[in-house]
Amino acid sequence: MRSAMTLYFKKGISLLILFTLTTWLGFSSCTEMKSQREMVVDVRTAEEFQNGSVEGAVNIPLHEIQKRLNEFKDKKSILVFCQSGNRSALAKRVLEENGISGVTDGGGIDQVREKLKSGQ
């Protein structure tokens, strides 16, 4: 019974986070978020990216963000993610410090995959 309650609680929290994220970003669903997002950026290393990523994501490793700022210009919305959420938080900060707006930190790749999968 305890494990069932834990699973129910985790699912409820996940749904709450998903609802909050889509509402905060102004989308009615994750499918809409995925279809309208202009740039999805995997900031993990090239090696990590080659082992699998999110469909449609481009790989711009964190250490390359600063020198590739032009690729982010004129984008209305940008979702950055990494393995656990640490590098994506740094990427978001670097982009915003360089005048790039509309950046969302998606956190870790598993979180982003789950959010996009549940919205399909």
C-alpha atoms as a PDB file:
ATOM      1  CA  MET A   1       0.000   0.000   0.000  1.00  0.00           C
ATOM      2  CA  ARG A   2       2.813   2.364   0.837  1.00  0.00           C
ATOM      3  CA  SER A   3       4.479   1.919  -2.574  1.00  0.00           C
ATOM      4  CA  ALA A   4       1.158   2.506  -4.333  1.00  0.00           C
ATOM      5  CA  MET A   5       0.686   5.725  -2.379  1.00  0.00           C
ATOM      6  CA  THR A   6       4.236   6.817  -3.180  1.00  0.00           C
ATOM      7  CA  LEU A   7       3.656   6.180  -6.887  1.00  0.00           C
ATOM      8  CA  TYR A   8       0.346   8.056  -6.763  1.00  0.00           C
ATOM      9  CA  PHE A   9       2.027  10.970  -4.983  1.00  0.00           C
ATOM     10  CA  LYS A  10       4.907  11.090  -7.487  1.00  0.00           C
ATOM     11  CA  LYS A  11       2.495  10.971 -10.420  1.00  0.00           C
ATOM     12  CA  GLY A  12       0.434  13.761  -8.872  1.00  0.00           C
ATOM     13  CA  ILE A  13       3.515  15.916  -8.360  1.00  0.00           C
ATOM     14  CA  SER A  14       4.634  15.243 -11.946  1.00  0.00           C
ATOM     15  CA  LEU A  15       1.246  16.287 -13.289  1.00  0.00           C
ATOM     16  CA  LEU A  16       1.284  19.407 -11.150  1.00  0.00           C
ATOM     17  CA  ILE A  17       4.741  20.344 -12.438  1.00  0.00           C
ATOM     18  CA  LEU A  18       3.657  19.658 -16.023  1.00  0.00           C
ATOM     19  CA  PHE A  19       0.519  21.767 -15.641  1.00  0.00           C
ATOM     20  CA  THR A  20       2.472  24.596 -14.014  1.00  0.00           C
ATOM     21  CA  LEU A  21       5.149  24.536 -16.723  1.00  0.00           C
ATOM     22  CA  THR A  22       2.721  24.577 -19.649  1.00  0.00           C
ATOM     23  CA  THR A  23       0.550  27.243 -18.024  1.00  0.00           C
ATOM     24  CA  TRP A  24       3.531  29.392 -17.092  1.00  0.00           C
ATOM     25  CA  LEU A  25       4.888  29.167 -20.634  1.00  0.00           C
ATOM     26  CA  GLY A  26       1.472  29.933 -22.094  1.00  0.00           C
ATOM     27  CA  PHE A  27       0.895  26.576 -23.759  1.00  0.00           C
ATOM     28  CA  SER A  28      -2.198  24.443 -23.312  1.00  0.00           C
ATOM     29  CA  SER A  29      -0.302  21.156 -23.626  1.00  0.00           C
ATOM     30  CA  CYS A  30       3.166  19.689 -23.955  1.00  0.00           C
ATOM     31  CA  THR A  31       2.378  18.766 -27.552  1.00  0.00           C
ATOM     32  CA  GLU A  32       1.700  22.416 -28.276  1.00  0.00           C
ATOM     33  CA  MET A  33       4.843  23.361 -26.355  1.00  0.00           C
ATOM     34  CA  LYS A  34       6.898  20.927 -28.449  1.00  0.00           C
ATOM     35  CA  SER A  35       5.418  22.073 -31.758  1.00  0.00           C
ATOM     36  CA  GLN A  36       5.790  25.802 -31.054  1.00  0.00           C
ATOM     37  CA  ARG A  37       9.197  25.764 -29.388  1.00  0.00           C
ATOM     38  CA  GLU A  38      11.692  27.170 -31.828  1.00  0.00           C
ATOM     39  CA  MET A  39      14.856  25.692 -30.369  1.00  0.00           C
ATOM     40  CA  VAL A  40      15.515  22.690 -28.158  1.00  0.00           C
ATOM     41  CA  VAL A  41      19.149  22.566 -27.049  1.00  0.00           C
ATOM     42  CA  ASP A  42      20.955  19.645 -25.476  1.00  0.00           C
ATOM     43  CA  VAL A  43      23.906  21.197 -23.638  1.00  0.00           C
ATOM     44  CA  ARG A  44      25.561  17.859 -22.838  1.00  0.00           C
ATOM     45  CA  THR A  45      28.824  16.824 -24.503  1.00  0.00           C
ATOM     46  CA  ALA A  46      28.878  15.575 -28.095  1.00  0.00           C
ATOM     47  CA  GLU A  47      29.549  12.061 -26.799  1.00  0.00           C
ATOM     48  CA  GLU A  48      26.502  12.162 -24.521  1.00  0.00           C
ATOM     49  CA  PHE A  49      24.384  13.553 -27.351  1.00  0.00           C
ATOM     50  CA  GLN A  50      25.456  10.751 -29.705  1.00  0.00           C
ATOM     51  CA  ASN A  51      24.186   8.209 -27.190  1.00  0.00           C
ATOM     52  CA  GLY A  52      20.664   9.604 -27.516  1.00  0.00           C
ATOM     53  CA  SER A  53      18.794  12.835 -27.042  1.00  0.00           C
ATOM     54  CA  VAL A  54      15.362  14.372 -27.514  1.00  0.00           C
ATOM     55  CA  GLU A  55      13.849  14.389 -30.996  1.00  0.00           C
ATOM     56  CA  GLY A  56      14.587  17.670 -32.744  1.00  0.00           C
ATOM     57  CA  ALA A  57      17.228  18.791 -30.261  1.00  0.00           C
ATOM     58  CA  VAL A  58      20.445  20.415 -31.397  1.00  0.00           C
ATOM     59  CA  ASN A  59      23.669  19.799 -29.527  1.00  0.00           C
ATOM     60  CA  ILE A  60      25.452  22.881 -28.264  1.00  0.00           C
ATOM     61  CA  PRO A  61      27.612  21.760 -25.344  1.00  0.00           C
ATOM     62  CA  LEU A  62      27.716  24.112 -22.379  1.00  0.00           C
ATOM     63  CA  HIS A  63      31.339  25.055 -22.992  1.00  0.00           C
ATOM     64  CA  GLU A  64      30.395  26.245 -26.514  1.00  0.00           C
ATOM     65  CA  ILE A  65      27.354  28.380 -25.603  1.00  0.00           C
ATOM     66  CA  GLN A  66      29.310  31.634 -25.247  1.00  0.00           C
ATOM     67  CA  LYS A  67      30.968  31.378 -28.663  1.00  0.00           C
ATOM     68  CA  ARG A  68      27.767  30.261 -30.417  1.00  0.00           C
ATOM     69  CA  LEU A  69      25.428  33.003 -29.198  1.00  0.00           C
ATOM     70  CA  ASN A  70      24.473  33.967 -32.767  1.00  0.00           C
ATOM     71  CA  GLU A  71      22.593  30.681 -33.109  1.00  0.00           C
ATOM     72  CA  PHE A  72      20.207  31.834 -30.366  1.00  0.00           C
ATOM     73  CA  LYS A  73      19.475  35.287 -31.761  1.00  0.00           C
ATOM     74  CA  ASP A  74      15.923  35.881 -33.016  1.00  0.00           C
ATOM     75  CA  LYS A  75      14.560  32.745 -31.320  1.00  0.00           C
ATOM     76  CA  LYS A  76      11.306  33.309 -29.491  1.00  0.00           C
ATOM     77  CA  SER A  77      11.686  30.370 -27.162  1.00  0.00           C
ATOM     78  CA  ILE A  78      14.563  28.128 -26.236  1.00  0.00           C
ATOM     79  CA  LEU A  79      14.472  24.999 -24.090  1.00  0.00           C
ATOM     80  CA  VAL A  80      17.842  23.923 -22.679  1.00  0.00           C
ATOM     81  CA  PHE A  81      18.475  20.607 -20.952  1.00  0.00           C
ATOM     82  CA  CYS A  82      21.345  18.355 -19.926  1.00  0.00           C
ATOM     83  CA  GLN A  83      21.793  15.117 -17.985  1.00  0.00           C
ATOM     84  CA  SER A  84      20.698  16.242 -14.527  1.00  0.00           C
ATOM     85  CA  GLY A  85      19.799  19.934 -14.727  1.00  0.00           C
ATOM     86  CA  ASN A  86      23.042  21.513 -13.515  1.00  0.00           C
ATOM     87  CA  ARG A  87      24.524  22.409 -16.899  1.00  0.00           C
ATOM     88  CA  SER A  88      21.171  23.547 -18.280  1.00  0.00           C
ATOM     89  CA  ALA A  89      20.806  26.009 -15.372  1.00  0.00           C
ATOM     90  CA  LEU A  90      24.243  27.415 -16.208  1.00  0.00           C
ATOM     91  CA  ALA A  91      23.387  27.570 -19.928  1.00  0.00           C
ATOM     92  CA  LYS A  92      20.194  29.496 -19.172  1.00  0.00           C
ATOM     93  CA  ARG A  93      22.147  31.974 -17.069  1.00  0.00           C
ATOM     94  CA  VAL A  94      24.821  32.478 -19.760  1.00  0.00           C
ATOM     95  CA  LEU A  95      22.177  33.045 -22.432  1.00  0.00           C
ATOM     96  CA  GLU A  96      20.209  35.513 -20.323  1.00  0.00           C
ATOM     97  CA  GLU A  97      23.365  37.396 -19.313  1.00  0.00           C
ATOM     98  CA  ASN A  98      24.021  37.828 -23.032  1.00  0.00           C
ATOM     99  CA  GLY A  99      20.592  39.275 -23.781  1.00  0.00           C
ATOM    100  CA  ILE A 100      18.875  36.098 -24.973  1.00  0.00           C
ATOM    101  CA  SER A 101      15.316  35.943 -23.649  1.00  0.00           C
ATOM    102  CA  GLY A 102      12.674  33.246 -23.741  1.00  0.00           C
ATOM    103  CA  VAL A 103      14.983  30.609 -22.271  1.00  0.00           C
ATOM    104  CA  THR A 104      13.501  27.758 -20.257  1.00  0.00           C
ATOM    105  CA  ASP A 105      15.601  25.386 -18.193  1.00  0.00           C
ATOM    106  CA  GLY A 106      14.098  21.964 -18.868  1.00  0.00           C
ATOM    107  CA  GLY A 107      16.374  20.278 -16.337  1.00  0.00           C
ATOM    108  CA  GLY A 108      17.539  16.750 -16.998  1.00  0.00           C
ATOM    109  CA  ILE A 109      16.963  14.762 -20.167  1.00  0.00           C
ATOM    110  CA  ASP A 110      14.717  12.231 -18.421  1.00  0.00           C
ATOM    111  CA  GLN A 111      12.470  15.041 -17.185  1.00  0.00           C
ATOM    112  CA  VAL A 112      12.231  16.564 -20.654  1.00  0.00           C
ATOM    113  CA  ARG A 113      11.523  13.189 -22.287  1.00  0.00           C
ATOM    114  CA  GLU A 114       8.797  12.440 -19.750  1.00  0.00           C
ATOM    115  CA  LYS A 115       7.157  15.838 -20.169  1.00  0.00           C
ATOM    116  CA  LEU A 116       7.165  15.582 -23.948  1.00  0.00           C
ATOM    117  CA  LYS A 117       6.031  11.931 -23.917  1.00  0.00           C
ATOM    118  CA  SER A 118       3.122  12.576 -21.587  1.00  0.00           C
ATOM    119  CA  GLY A 119       1.917  15.431 -23.781  1.00  0.00           C
ATOM    120  CA  GLN A 120       1.607  13.272 -26.926  1.00  0.00           C
END
